[in-house]
Structures are given as structure tokens and as C-alpha cells.
Amino acid sequence: MKTLVLGTQNKHKLTEIREILLDVPLRLNGLPVGTPEAPEDQPTLEGNAVQKAVAYAGHVKTWVLADDTGLEVDALEGRPGVHSARYAGEDCSDADNRALLLKELEGVPATRRKARFRCVVALCNPAGEVLATAEGVCEGMILEEARGEGGFGYDRIFRADSIGKTLAEITPDEKNRLSHRGAALKALKPRLLELL
């Protein structure tokens, strides 16, 4: 069985990706302990996903799948976007990020709180060549207060249009079926199987 390293230091993402790719006949490994964090200084999600995949493939010398995900809020002209994970600062928590976003949206009516999660995944071979990318989107809106206990990041304040609930109010399986990351990985799956 071939090995695919999942290029993320985020344990929540690692769990989600493993669950979404459960039916793929690959050994899905996390990054080795002590792997330096890859840079994420590109202006686009695709640029960051590619940058991370190449950096981690250079470190582990095997196939790597990396992603970058952002929350784009229309009323904030697409912010936080590529800065979603560190929106409130370098060492901020998920709660800090949510609090800042809600503060920035104070007084903004529901009709203008449209948002989407966007995820781009990149597959890199051991030689550092990116051979495939794919994107997934989940449309929704930002609520005025948190709902639900599941998920991570902005899930508690993001209500998905397709279900009328936040991503924190549904089971992990339900989230993986309709989420941006689920859509991106589903789109990548045929190429993944073809290459590996």
C-alpha cells in the first residue's frame, strides 16, 4: 500500500482529511514529529496549498497532500480569506478569530452577511512537482452568535445554506459530505487514484 503524507500541522484538519479519504487505498500519514511548519505567504489559497505541498514533500521525500482554506465574507470584501487561521494575530485561538470577525460585522444585517468557505488542495510528488489541485466551496452566512459544539475554526458561526445549520451543529460525517474540504477532496480523488 502506498503512503500519502497529509501536509498539515492542524490536528482537526488531519482528522477530517483522513475521514474523507477513508475509502482510498492509501496509508495516510501525518507529518513526522519535528517537521518545520511550511510557509504560507502567498496571496491566494491555491498559492498557499501549492507552497505547503512542495515544502513538505521536500522534507519528507514522499507524496504529500496539502490544503489551504479560507472564509470569505462579502461584507468584508472577502476577508479574512487567506488570513483566516491567524486573523486575530499570530498566536490567536479559534475563539479569538470568531470574536474579531463578529466584532467587524456588528450592525451588518443578515442580508449582507453572505460568506463562503473555500478550500484548495494540492498533490505533490516526492520530486516536488505539483501534479494536481482541486477546489471546493461551501456557501453560507455568518450568524450573530455561535451555535453548536462541534467542528473548529469558524464552524460555530457559519451557517451552511444547504442545511440551514452551522457546521458545528452537525455530525463530522455530515460535515465531511457537504463541506468545502469534502468537495475539494472528492474532486481530487480520481486524480489521486490515477497518480498513486
N, C-alpha and C. Protein backbone atom coordinates (compact mmCIF):
# COMPACT_ATOMS: atom_id res chain seq x y z
N MET A 1 0.84 -1.19 0.00
CA MET A 1 0.00 0.00 0.00
C MET A 1 0.88 1.25 0.00
N LYS A 2 0.58 2.19 -0.90
CA LYS A 2 1.37 3.42 -0.98
C LYS A 2 1.02 4.38 0.15
N THR A 3 1.99 5.23 0.45
CA THR A 3 1.83 6.19 1.54
C THR A 3 1.63 7.60 0.99
N LEU A 4 0.70 8.30 1.59
CA LEU A 4 0.46 9.71 1.29
C LEU A 4 0.56 10.47 2.60
N VAL A 5 1.44 11.46 2.66
CA VAL A 5 1.57 12.29 3.86
C VAL A 5 0.62 13.47 3.75
N LEU A 6 -0.12 13.70 4.80
CA LEU A 6 -1.06 14.82 4.85
C LEU A 6 -0.33 16.02 5.43
N GLY A 7 -0.12 17.02 4.59
CA GLY A 7 0.73 18.16 4.95
C GLY A 7 0.01 19.23 5.73
N THR A 8 -0.28 18.93 6.98
CA THR A 8 -0.89 19.92 7.86
C THR A 8 -0.40 19.69 9.29
N GLN A 9 -0.27 20.78 10.02
CA GLN A 9 0.07 20.71 11.44
C GLN A 9 -1.20 20.83 12.29
N ASN A 10 -2.36 21.00 11.62
CA ASN A 10 -3.64 21.19 12.30
C ASN A 10 -4.29 19.82 12.52
N LYS A 11 -4.39 19.41 13.78
CA LYS A 11 -4.91 18.06 14.07
C LYS A 11 -6.37 17.89 13.65
N HIS A 12 -7.16 18.97 13.68
CA HIS A 12 -8.56 18.89 13.24
C HIS A 12 -8.64 18.61 11.74
N LYS A 13 -7.83 19.32 10.96
CA LYS A 13 -7.78 19.10 9.51
C LYS A 13 -7.32 17.67 9.21
N LEU A 14 -6.31 17.22 9.94
CA LEU A 14 -5.76 15.88 9.74
C LEU A 14 -6.86 14.82 9.92
N THR A 15 -7.64 14.97 10.96
CA THR A 15 -8.74 14.03 11.24
C THR A 15 -9.77 14.08 10.12
N GLU A 16 -10.15 15.29 9.70
CA GLU A 16 -11.15 15.42 8.64
C GLU A 16 -10.68 14.81 7.34
N ILE A 17 -9.46 15.10 6.94
CA ILE A 17 -8.94 14.58 5.68
C ILE A 17 -8.88 13.05 5.72
N ARG A 18 -8.44 12.49 6.84
CA ARG A 18 -8.39 11.03 6.97
C ARG A 18 -9.79 10.42 6.83
N GLU A 19 -10.79 11.06 7.44
CA GLU A 19 -12.16 10.53 7.37
C GLU A 19 -12.72 10.64 5.96
N ILE A 20 -12.45 11.76 5.28
CA ILE A 20 -12.97 11.97 3.93
C ILE A 20 -12.33 10.99 2.94
N LEU A 21 -11.05 10.66 3.15
CA LEU A 21 -10.33 9.76 2.23
C LEU A 21 -10.29 8.31 2.74
N LEU A 22 -11.19 7.98 3.62
CA LEU A 22 -11.22 6.65 4.24
C LEU A 22 -11.30 5.52 3.22
N ASP A 23 -12.00 5.75 2.11
CA ASP A 23 -12.19 4.70 1.11
C ASP A 23 -11.07 4.64 0.07
N VAL A 24 -10.06 5.49 0.21
CA VAL A 24 -8.94 5.49 -0.73
C VAL A 24 -7.88 4.50 -0.24
N PRO A 25 -7.44 3.57 -1.10
CA PRO A 25 -6.49 2.54 -0.67
C PRO A 25 -5.06 3.06 -0.53
N LEU A 26 -4.87 3.96 0.43
CA LEU A 26 -3.57 4.55 0.71
C LEU A 26 -3.34 4.57 2.21
N ARG A 27 -2.10 4.51 2.61
CA ARG A 27 -1.74 4.72 4.02
C ARG A 27 -1.61 6.23 4.20
N LEU A 28 -2.46 6.82 5.02
CA LEU A 28 -2.48 8.27 5.23
C LEU A 28 -1.73 8.61 6.50
N ASN A 29 -0.54 9.16 6.35
CA ASN A 29 0.30 9.51 7.50
C ASN A 29 0.28 11.01 7.75
N GLY A 30 0.41 11.38 9.02
CA GLY A 30 0.62 12.78 9.36
C GLY A 30 2.09 13.12 9.15
N LEU A 31 2.41 14.39 9.32
CA LEU A 31 3.81 14.82 9.21
C LEU A 31 4.62 14.25 10.36
N PRO A 32 5.88 13.90 10.13
CA PRO A 32 6.72 13.41 11.22
C PRO A 32 6.86 14.48 12.31
N VAL A 33 6.99 14.04 13.54
CA VAL A 33 7.20 14.96 14.66
C VAL A 33 8.45 15.79 14.39
N GLY A 34 8.37 17.07 14.64
CA GLY A 34 9.51 17.95 14.44
C GLY A 34 9.61 18.55 13.05
N THR A 35 8.65 18.22 12.17
CA THR A 35 8.67 18.82 10.83
C THR A 35 8.46 20.33 10.95
N PRO A 36 9.36 21.13 10.38
CA PRO A 36 9.16 22.58 10.46
C PRO A 36 7.90 23.00 9.70
N GLU A 37 7.20 23.99 10.23
CA GLU A 37 5.97 24.46 9.59
C GLU A 37 6.29 25.10 8.25
N ALA A 38 5.53 24.74 7.23
CA ALA A 38 5.74 25.29 5.90
C ALA A 38 5.27 26.74 5.85
N PRO A 39 5.91 27.56 5.01
CA PRO A 39 5.46 28.95 4.88
C PRO A 39 4.08 29.02 4.23
N GLU A 40 3.35 30.07 4.55
CA GLU A 40 2.04 30.35 3.94
C GLU A 40 1.99 31.85 3.67
N ASP A 41 2.76 32.30 2.69
CA ASP A 41 2.83 33.73 2.46
C ASP A 41 2.39 34.13 1.05
N GLN A 42 1.62 33.26 0.42
CA GLN A 42 1.10 33.56 -0.92
C GLN A 42 -0.22 34.34 -0.82
N PRO A 43 -0.57 35.10 -1.86
CA PRO A 43 -1.79 35.91 -1.82
C PRO A 43 -3.08 35.14 -2.11
N THR A 44 -2.95 33.86 -2.50
CA THR A 44 -4.15 33.06 -2.81
C THR A 44 -4.12 31.74 -2.05
N LEU A 45 -5.30 31.13 -1.91
CA LEU A 45 -5.40 29.82 -1.27
C LEU A 45 -4.64 28.78 -2.09
N GLU A 46 -4.78 28.83 -3.41
CA GLU A 46 -4.07 27.87 -4.26
C GLU A 46 -2.56 28.02 -4.10
N GLY A 47 -2.09 29.27 -4.06
CA GLY A 47 -0.66 29.52 -3.88
C GLY A 47 -0.14 28.94 -2.59
N ASN A 48 -0.92 29.10 -1.50
CA ASN A 48 -0.51 28.56 -0.21
C ASN A 48 -0.55 27.04 -0.19
N ALA A 49 -1.58 26.44 -0.78
CA ALA A 49 -1.69 24.98 -0.81
C ALA A 49 -0.49 24.38 -1.56
N VAL A 50 -0.16 24.97 -2.71
CA VAL A 50 0.97 24.51 -3.51
C VAL A 50 2.27 24.71 -2.73
N GLN A 51 2.44 25.87 -2.12
CA GLN A 51 3.65 26.18 -1.36
C GLN A 51 3.86 25.16 -0.24
N LYS A 52 2.80 24.84 0.47
CA LYS A 52 2.90 23.88 1.58
C LYS A 52 3.21 22.47 1.06
N ALA A 53 2.52 22.06 0.00
CA ALA A 53 2.74 20.71 -0.55
C ALA A 53 4.19 20.53 -0.99
N VAL A 54 4.74 21.52 -1.68
CA VAL A 54 6.13 21.45 -2.16
C VAL A 54 7.11 21.44 -0.99
N ALA A 55 6.86 22.32 0.00
CA ALA A 55 7.77 22.39 1.15
C ALA A 55 7.79 21.07 1.93
N TYR A 56 6.60 20.51 2.19
CA TYR A 56 6.54 19.27 2.97
C TYR A 56 7.08 18.08 2.17
N ALA A 57 6.83 18.05 0.85
CA ALA A 57 7.38 16.95 0.02
C ALA A 57 8.91 17.00 0.04
N GLY A 58 9.46 18.20 0.04
CA GLY A 58 10.92 18.34 0.12
C GLY A 58 11.47 17.84 1.43
N HIS A 59 10.65 17.93 2.48
CA HIS A 59 11.10 17.49 3.80
C HIS A 59 10.95 15.97 3.98
N VAL A 60 9.79 15.43 3.57
CA VAL A 60 9.51 14.01 3.85
C VAL A 60 9.88 13.08 2.69
N LYS A 61 10.16 13.66 1.51
CA LYS A 61 10.60 12.88 0.34
C LYS A 61 9.60 11.80 -0.07
N THR A 62 8.32 12.13 0.01
CA THR A 62 7.28 11.22 -0.46
C THR A 62 6.11 12.07 -0.96
N TRP A 63 5.04 11.40 -1.40
CA TRP A 63 3.85 12.11 -1.87
C TRP A 63 3.22 12.89 -0.72
N VAL A 64 2.78 14.12 -1.02
CA VAL A 64 2.16 14.96 0.01
C VAL A 64 0.88 15.59 -0.55
N LEU A 65 -0.13 15.62 0.30
CA LEU A 65 -1.37 16.33 0.01
C LEU A 65 -1.47 17.47 1.03
N ALA A 66 -1.57 18.70 0.55
CA ALA A 66 -1.71 19.86 1.45
C ALA A 66 -2.92 20.67 1.02
N ASP A 67 -3.45 21.44 1.94
CA ASP A 67 -4.59 22.30 1.60
C ASP A 67 -4.42 23.68 2.19
N ASP A 68 -5.17 24.61 1.67
CA ASP A 68 -5.34 25.90 2.33
C ASP A 68 -6.80 26.24 2.24
N THR A 69 -7.32 26.77 3.33
CA THR A 69 -8.74 27.05 3.44
C THR A 69 -8.94 28.45 3.95
N GLY A 70 -9.95 29.11 3.43
CA GLY A 70 -10.25 30.46 3.90
C GLY A 70 -11.74 30.71 3.95
N LEU A 71 -12.12 31.59 4.85
CA LEU A 71 -13.50 32.05 4.96
C LEU A 71 -13.57 33.42 4.30
N GLU A 72 -14.44 33.56 3.32
CA GLU A 72 -14.58 34.82 2.59
C GLU A 72 -15.94 35.43 2.91
N VAL A 73 -15.93 36.62 3.49
CA VAL A 73 -17.16 37.30 3.89
C VAL A 73 -17.39 38.48 2.95
N ASP A 74 -18.54 38.49 2.27
CA ASP A 74 -18.81 39.52 1.27
C ASP A 74 -18.76 40.93 1.85
N ALA A 75 -19.36 41.12 3.03
CA ALA A 75 -19.41 42.46 3.64
C ALA A 75 -18.02 42.96 4.03
N LEU A 76 -17.05 42.06 4.13
CA LEU A 76 -15.67 42.44 4.48
C LEU A 76 -14.75 42.34 3.26
N GLU A 77 -15.36 42.41 2.07
CA GLU A 77 -14.61 42.36 0.81
C GLU A 77 -13.72 41.11 0.70
N GLY A 78 -14.25 39.98 1.19
CA GLY A 78 -13.54 38.71 1.07
C GLY A 78 -12.65 38.34 2.24
N ARG A 79 -12.52 39.24 3.23
CA ARG A 79 -11.73 38.90 4.42
C ARG A 79 -12.53 37.92 5.28
N PRO A 80 -11.86 37.11 6.12
CA PRO A 80 -10.42 37.03 6.34
C PRO A 80 -9.64 36.30 5.25
N GLY A 81 -10.29 35.52 4.39
CA GLY A 81 -9.60 34.90 3.24
C GLY A 81 -8.38 34.10 3.62
N VAL A 82 -7.25 34.39 2.96
CA VAL A 82 -6.02 33.62 3.21
C VAL A 82 -5.50 33.81 4.63
N HIS A 83 -6.01 34.81 5.34
CA HIS A 83 -5.55 35.08 6.71
C HIS A 83 -6.48 34.47 7.76
N SER A 84 -7.39 33.60 7.36
CA SER A 84 -8.41 33.08 8.26
C SER A 84 -7.86 32.44 9.53
N ALA A 85 -6.81 31.63 9.41
CA ALA A 85 -6.28 30.90 10.57
C ALA A 85 -5.62 31.82 11.60
N ARG A 86 -5.11 32.95 11.15
CA ARG A 86 -4.41 33.87 12.07
C ARG A 86 -5.01 35.27 12.01
N TYR A 87 -6.31 35.33 11.82
CA TYR A 87 -6.99 36.61 11.61
C TYR A 87 -6.81 37.57 12.78
N ALA A 88 -6.87 37.04 13.99
CA ALA A 88 -6.76 37.89 15.19
C ALA A 88 -5.32 38.02 15.69
N GLY A 89 -4.36 37.49 14.94
CA GLY A 89 -2.96 37.58 15.35
C GLY A 89 -2.25 36.24 15.24
N GLU A 90 -0.95 36.27 15.33
CA GLU A 90 -0.12 35.07 15.11
C GLU A 90 -0.45 33.92 16.05
N ASP A 91 -0.62 34.20 17.34
CA ASP A 91 -0.87 33.12 18.32
C ASP A 91 -2.32 33.10 18.80
N CYS A 92 -3.23 33.50 17.93
CA CYS A 92 -4.64 33.59 18.34
C CYS A 92 -5.31 32.22 18.38
N SER A 93 -6.42 32.15 19.09
CA SER A 93 -7.22 30.93 19.17
C SER A 93 -8.39 31.03 18.19
N ASP A 94 -9.08 29.91 17.99
CA ASP A 94 -10.29 29.93 17.16
C ASP A 94 -11.30 30.93 17.73
N ALA A 95 -11.43 30.97 19.05
CA ALA A 95 -12.37 31.89 19.70
C ALA A 95 -11.98 33.35 19.44
N ASP A 96 -10.68 33.64 19.43
CA ASP A 96 -10.21 35.00 19.13
C ASP A 96 -10.60 35.40 17.70
N ASN A 97 -10.40 34.49 16.77
CA ASN A 97 -10.75 34.76 15.37
C ASN A 97 -12.24 35.01 15.21
N ARG A 98 -13.05 34.16 15.84
CA ARG A 98 -14.50 34.34 15.75
C ARG A 98 -14.93 35.67 16.36
N ALA A 99 -14.36 36.00 17.51
CA ALA A 99 -14.72 37.25 18.20
C ALA A 99 -14.39 38.46 17.33
N LEU A 100 -13.23 38.47 16.70
CA LEU A 100 -12.85 39.60 15.85
C LEU A 100 -13.80 39.71 14.66
N LEU A 101 -14.10 38.59 14.04
CA LEU A 101 -14.99 38.60 12.88
C LEU A 101 -16.37 39.13 13.26
N LEU A 102 -16.91 38.66 14.38
CA LEU A 102 -18.23 39.11 14.83
C LEU A 102 -18.22 40.60 15.16
N LYS A 103 -17.11 41.07 15.76
CA LYS A 103 -16.98 42.50 16.07
C LYS A 103 -17.01 43.33 14.79
N GLU A 104 -16.30 42.86 13.76
CA GLU A 104 -16.26 43.59 12.49
C GLU A 104 -17.62 43.59 11.78
N LEU A 105 -18.45 42.60 12.10
CA LEU A 105 -19.76 42.51 11.45
C LEU A 105 -20.90 43.07 12.31
N GLU A 106 -20.56 43.68 13.44
CA GLU A 106 -21.60 44.27 14.29
C GLU A 106 -22.43 45.26 13.49
N GLY A 107 -23.76 45.13 13.59
CA GLY A 107 -24.66 46.05 12.90
C GLY A 107 -24.90 45.72 11.44
N VAL A 108 -24.18 44.73 10.90
CA VAL A 108 -24.38 44.34 9.50
C VAL A 108 -25.61 43.41 9.44
N PRO A 109 -26.64 43.77 8.65
CA PRO A 109 -27.86 42.95 8.60
C PRO A 109 -27.62 41.58 7.98
N ALA A 110 -28.52 40.64 8.29
CA ALA A 110 -28.40 39.26 7.80
C ALA A 110 -28.28 39.20 6.28
N THR A 111 -28.94 40.11 5.59
CA THR A 111 -28.93 40.11 4.13
C THR A 111 -27.54 40.40 3.56
N ARG A 112 -26.65 40.95 4.39
CA ARG A 112 -25.31 41.29 3.92
C ARG A 112 -24.22 40.44 4.58
N ARG A 113 -24.63 39.35 5.23
CA ARG A 113 -23.66 38.51 5.94
C ARG A 113 -23.30 37.24 5.16
N LYS A 114 -23.50 37.29 3.86
CA LYS A 114 -23.19 36.15 2.99
C LYS A 114 -21.69 35.85 3.05
N ALA A 115 -21.37 34.54 3.05
CA ALA A 115 -19.97 34.13 3.16
C ALA A 115 -19.81 32.75 2.54
N ARG A 116 -18.56 32.38 2.36
CA ARG A 116 -18.29 31.03 1.87
C ARG A 116 -16.96 30.54 2.42
N PHE A 117 -16.90 29.24 2.66
CA PHE A 117 -15.64 28.59 2.94
C PHE A 117 -15.11 28.11 1.59
N ARG A 118 -13.84 28.37 1.32
CA ARG A 118 -13.20 27.90 0.10
C ARG A 118 -11.96 27.10 0.50
N CYS A 119 -11.78 25.94 -0.13
CA CYS A 119 -10.63 25.08 0.16
C CYS A 119 -9.96 24.67 -1.15
N VAL A 120 -8.65 24.77 -1.17
CA VAL A 120 -7.87 24.29 -2.32
C VAL A 120 -6.90 23.24 -1.80
N VAL A 121 -6.86 22.09 -2.48
CA VAL A 121 -5.93 21.02 -2.12
C VAL A 121 -4.91 20.86 -3.25
N ALA A 122 -3.70 20.50 -2.88
CA ALA A 122 -2.63 20.30 -3.86
C ALA A 122 -1.92 18.99 -3.57
N LEU A 123 -1.65 18.23 -4.64
CA LEU A 123 -0.95 16.95 -4.54
C LEU A 123 0.42 17.08 -5.16
N CYS A 124 1.45 16.74 -4.38
CA CYS A 124 2.84 16.91 -4.81
C CYS A 124 3.57 15.56 -4.75
N ASN A 125 4.38 15.29 -5.77
CA ASN A 125 5.14 14.04 -5.77
C ASN A 125 6.45 14.22 -5.00
N PRO A 126 7.19 13.13 -4.78
CA PRO A 126 8.43 13.23 -4.00
C PRO A 126 9.48 14.15 -4.61
N ALA A 127 9.39 14.41 -5.92
CA ALA A 127 10.36 15.29 -6.60
C ALA A 127 10.00 16.77 -6.43
N GLY A 128 8.87 17.03 -5.76
CA GLY A 128 8.47 18.42 -5.53
C GLY A 128 7.63 19.02 -6.64
N GLU A 129 7.07 18.16 -7.51
CA GLU A 129 6.20 18.65 -8.59
C GLU A 129 4.74 18.53 -8.18
N VAL A 130 4.00 19.62 -8.30
CA VAL A 130 2.56 19.59 -8.02
C VAL A 130 1.86 19.05 -9.25
N LEU A 131 1.20 17.90 -9.10
CA LEU A 131 0.59 17.23 -10.25
C LEU A 131 -0.91 17.40 -10.31
N ALA A 132 -1.52 17.91 -9.24
CA ALA A 132 -2.97 18.12 -9.27
C ALA A 132 -3.38 19.09 -8.18
N THR A 133 -4.39 19.89 -8.49
CA THR A 133 -5.04 20.73 -7.49
C THR A 133 -6.55 20.62 -7.69
N ALA A 134 -7.31 20.92 -6.66
CA ALA A 134 -8.76 20.93 -6.76
C ALA A 134 -9.32 21.91 -5.73
N GLU A 135 -10.51 22.41 -6.01
CA GLU A 135 -11.12 23.39 -5.13
C GLU A 135 -12.53 22.96 -4.74
N GLY A 136 -12.92 23.31 -3.52
CA GLY A 136 -14.28 23.07 -3.05
C GLY A 136 -14.79 24.31 -2.34
N VAL A 137 -16.10 24.55 -2.45
CA VAL A 137 -16.71 25.73 -1.85
C VAL A 137 -17.97 25.32 -1.09
N CYS A 138 -18.19 25.96 0.05
CA CYS A 138 -19.42 25.77 0.82
C CYS A 138 -20.01 27.15 1.09
N GLU A 139 -21.18 27.43 0.52
CA GLU A 139 -21.82 28.74 0.65
C GLU A 139 -22.64 28.82 1.93
N GLY A 140 -22.69 30.02 2.51
CA GLY A 140 -23.48 30.19 3.73
C GLY A 140 -23.52 31.63 4.17
N MET A 141 -23.68 31.82 5.48
CA MET A 141 -23.69 33.17 6.04
C MET A 141 -23.15 33.15 7.45
N ILE A 142 -22.69 34.32 7.91
CA ILE A 142 -22.16 34.44 9.27
C ILE A 142 -23.29 34.86 10.21
N LEU A 143 -23.51 34.06 11.24
CA LEU A 143 -24.54 34.37 12.24
C LEU A 143 -24.03 35.43 13.21
N GLU A 144 -24.92 35.94 14.04
CA GLU A 144 -24.53 36.96 15.02
C GLU A 144 -23.98 36.34 16.30
N GLU A 145 -24.23 35.04 16.48
CA GLU A 145 -23.70 34.36 17.67
C GLU A 145 -23.42 32.90 17.34
N ALA A 146 -22.58 32.30 18.15
CA ALA A 146 -22.16 30.91 17.93
C ALA A 146 -23.30 29.94 18.20
N ARG A 147 -23.32 28.86 17.42
CA ARG A 147 -24.28 27.78 17.62
C ARG A 147 -23.57 26.45 17.40
N GLY A 148 -23.79 25.50 18.33
CA GLY A 148 -23.22 24.17 18.19
C GLY A 148 -21.91 24.02 18.93
N GLU A 149 -21.52 22.78 19.12
CA GLU A 149 -20.31 22.46 19.89
C GLU A 149 -19.25 21.74 19.06
N GLY A 150 -19.60 21.31 17.86
CA GLY A 150 -18.66 20.53 17.06
C GLY A 150 -17.76 21.42 16.21
N GLY A 151 -17.04 20.76 15.30
CA GLY A 151 -16.20 21.48 14.35
C GLY A 151 -15.05 22.23 14.99
N PHE A 152 -14.51 23.19 14.25
CA PHE A 152 -13.40 24.01 14.73
C PHE A 152 -13.37 25.28 13.90
N GLY A 153 -12.46 26.17 14.22
CA GLY A 153 -12.34 27.42 13.46
C GLY A 153 -13.61 28.25 13.54
N TYR A 154 -14.15 28.60 12.39
CA TYR A 154 -15.34 29.46 12.30
C TYR A 154 -16.64 28.66 12.22
N ASP A 155 -16.57 27.33 12.35
CA ASP A 155 -17.75 26.48 12.15
C ASP A 155 -18.96 26.89 12.99
N ARG A 156 -18.74 27.40 14.20
CA ARG A 156 -19.86 27.72 15.09
C ARG A 156 -20.64 28.97 14.67
N ILE A 157 -20.05 29.79 13.80
CA ILE A 157 -20.77 31.00 13.37
C ILE A 157 -21.08 30.99 11.88
N PHE A 158 -20.74 29.90 11.19
CA PHE A 158 -21.01 29.78 9.76
C PHE A 158 -22.18 28.84 9.53
N ARG A 159 -23.30 29.40 9.05
CA ARG A 159 -24.48 28.57 8.74
C ARG A 159 -24.45 28.22 7.26
N ALA A 160 -24.39 26.95 6.97
CA ALA A 160 -24.34 26.48 5.58
C ALA A 160 -25.71 26.59 4.94
N ASP A 161 -25.78 27.16 3.73
CA ASP A 161 -27.04 27.32 3.02
C ASP A 161 -27.74 25.98 2.78
N SER A 162 -26.96 24.95 2.49
CA SER A 162 -27.54 23.66 2.08
C SER A 162 -28.30 22.94 3.20
N ILE A 163 -28.01 23.31 4.47
CA ILE A 163 -28.68 22.61 5.58
C ILE A 163 -29.34 23.55 6.58
N GLY A 164 -29.07 24.84 6.50
CA GLY A 164 -29.67 25.79 7.43
C GLY A 164 -29.19 25.64 8.85
N LYS A 165 -28.02 25.04 9.03
CA LYS A 165 -27.41 24.87 10.35
C LYS A 165 -25.95 25.28 10.26
N THR A 166 -25.32 25.51 11.42
CA THR A 166 -23.89 25.77 11.41
C THR A 166 -23.15 24.45 11.23
N LEU A 167 -21.90 24.54 10.80
CA LEU A 167 -21.09 23.33 10.64
C LEU A 167 -20.75 22.71 11.99
N ALA A 168 -21.02 23.44 13.08
CA ALA A 168 -20.77 22.91 14.43
C ALA A 168 -22.00 22.21 14.99
N GLU A 169 -23.14 22.29 14.29
CA GLU A 169 -24.38 21.67 14.76
C GLU A 169 -24.65 20.32 14.11
N ILE A 170 -23.74 19.85 13.28
CA ILE A 170 -23.95 18.58 12.59
C ILE A 170 -22.82 17.61 12.94
N THR A 171 -23.01 16.35 12.57
CA THR A 171 -22.00 15.34 12.89
C THR A 171 -20.80 15.51 11.97
N PRO A 172 -19.64 15.00 12.37
CA PRO A 172 -18.47 15.06 11.48
C PRO A 172 -18.73 14.43 10.11
N ASP A 173 -19.49 13.32 10.07
CA ASP A 173 -19.79 12.68 8.79
C ASP A 173 -20.62 13.59 7.89
N GLU A 174 -21.63 14.25 8.48
CA GLU A 174 -22.46 15.18 7.71
C GLU A 174 -21.61 16.35 7.19
N LYS A 175 -20.75 16.86 8.05
CA LYS A 175 -19.89 17.98 7.65
C LYS A 175 -18.99 17.57 6.49
N ASN A 176 -18.40 16.40 6.58
CA ASN A 176 -17.47 15.95 5.54
C ASN A 176 -18.17 15.75 4.20
N ARG A 177 -19.47 15.44 4.22
CA ARG A 177 -20.22 15.24 2.98
C ARG A 177 -20.51 16.56 2.27
N LEU A 178 -20.70 17.65 3.03
CA LEU A 178 -21.12 18.90 2.39
C LEU A 178 -20.10 20.02 2.47
N SER A 179 -19.00 19.80 3.16
CA SER A 179 -18.05 20.89 3.39
C SER A 179 -17.19 21.19 2.18
N HIS A 180 -16.56 22.34 2.22
CA HIS A 180 -15.60 22.80 1.23
C HIS A 180 -14.43 21.82 1.11
N ARG A 181 -13.92 21.32 2.23
CA ARG A 181 -12.80 20.38 2.20
C ARG A 181 -13.26 19.05 1.59
N GLY A 182 -14.45 18.61 1.96
CA GLY A 182 -15.01 17.38 1.39
C GLY A 182 -15.16 17.49 -0.12
N ALA A 183 -15.65 18.65 -0.59
CA ALA A 183 -15.84 18.87 -2.03
C ALA A 183 -14.50 18.89 -2.77
N ALA A 184 -13.50 19.56 -2.19
CA ALA A 184 -12.18 19.63 -2.83
C ALA A 184 -11.55 18.25 -2.92
N LEU A 185 -11.63 17.48 -1.85
CA LEU A 185 -11.01 16.15 -1.86
C LEU A 185 -11.76 15.18 -2.77
N LYS A 186 -13.08 15.33 -2.83
CA LYS A 186 -13.87 14.50 -3.73
C LYS A 186 -13.46 14.78 -5.19
N ALA A 187 -13.26 16.07 -5.50
CA ALA A 187 -12.85 16.45 -6.86
C ALA A 187 -11.45 15.93 -7.18
N LEU A 188 -10.58 15.85 -6.17
CA LEU A 188 -9.20 15.40 -6.38
C LEU A 188 -9.07 13.88 -6.43
N LYS A 189 -10.03 13.18 -5.83
CA LYS A 189 -9.91 11.73 -5.65
C LYS A 189 -9.58 10.94 -6.93
N PRO A 190 -10.27 11.18 -8.06
CA PRO A 190 -9.92 10.41 -9.27
C PRO A 190 -8.46 10.59 -9.69
N ARG A 191 -7.97 11.81 -9.61
CA ARG A 191 -6.57 12.10 -9.98
C ARG A 191 -5.61 11.44 -8.99
N LEU A 192 -6.00 11.46 -7.74
CA LEU A 192 -5.20 10.85 -6.67
C LEU A 192 -5.02 9.35 -6.93
N LEU A 193 -6.13 8.68 -7.26
CA LEU A 193 -6.09 7.25 -7.53
C LEU A 193 -5.30 6.95 -8.81
N GLU A 194 -5.43 7.82 -9.79
CA GLU A 194 -4.71 7.64 -11.05
C GLU A 194 -3.20 7.79 -10.86
N LEU A 195 -2.80 8.76 -10.06
CA LEU A 195 -1.36 9.03 -9.87
C LEU A 195 -0.70 8.08 -8.91
N LEU A 196 -1.43 7.67 -7.88
CA LEU A 196 -0.83 6.82 -6.87
C LEU A 196 -1.20 5.35 -7.09
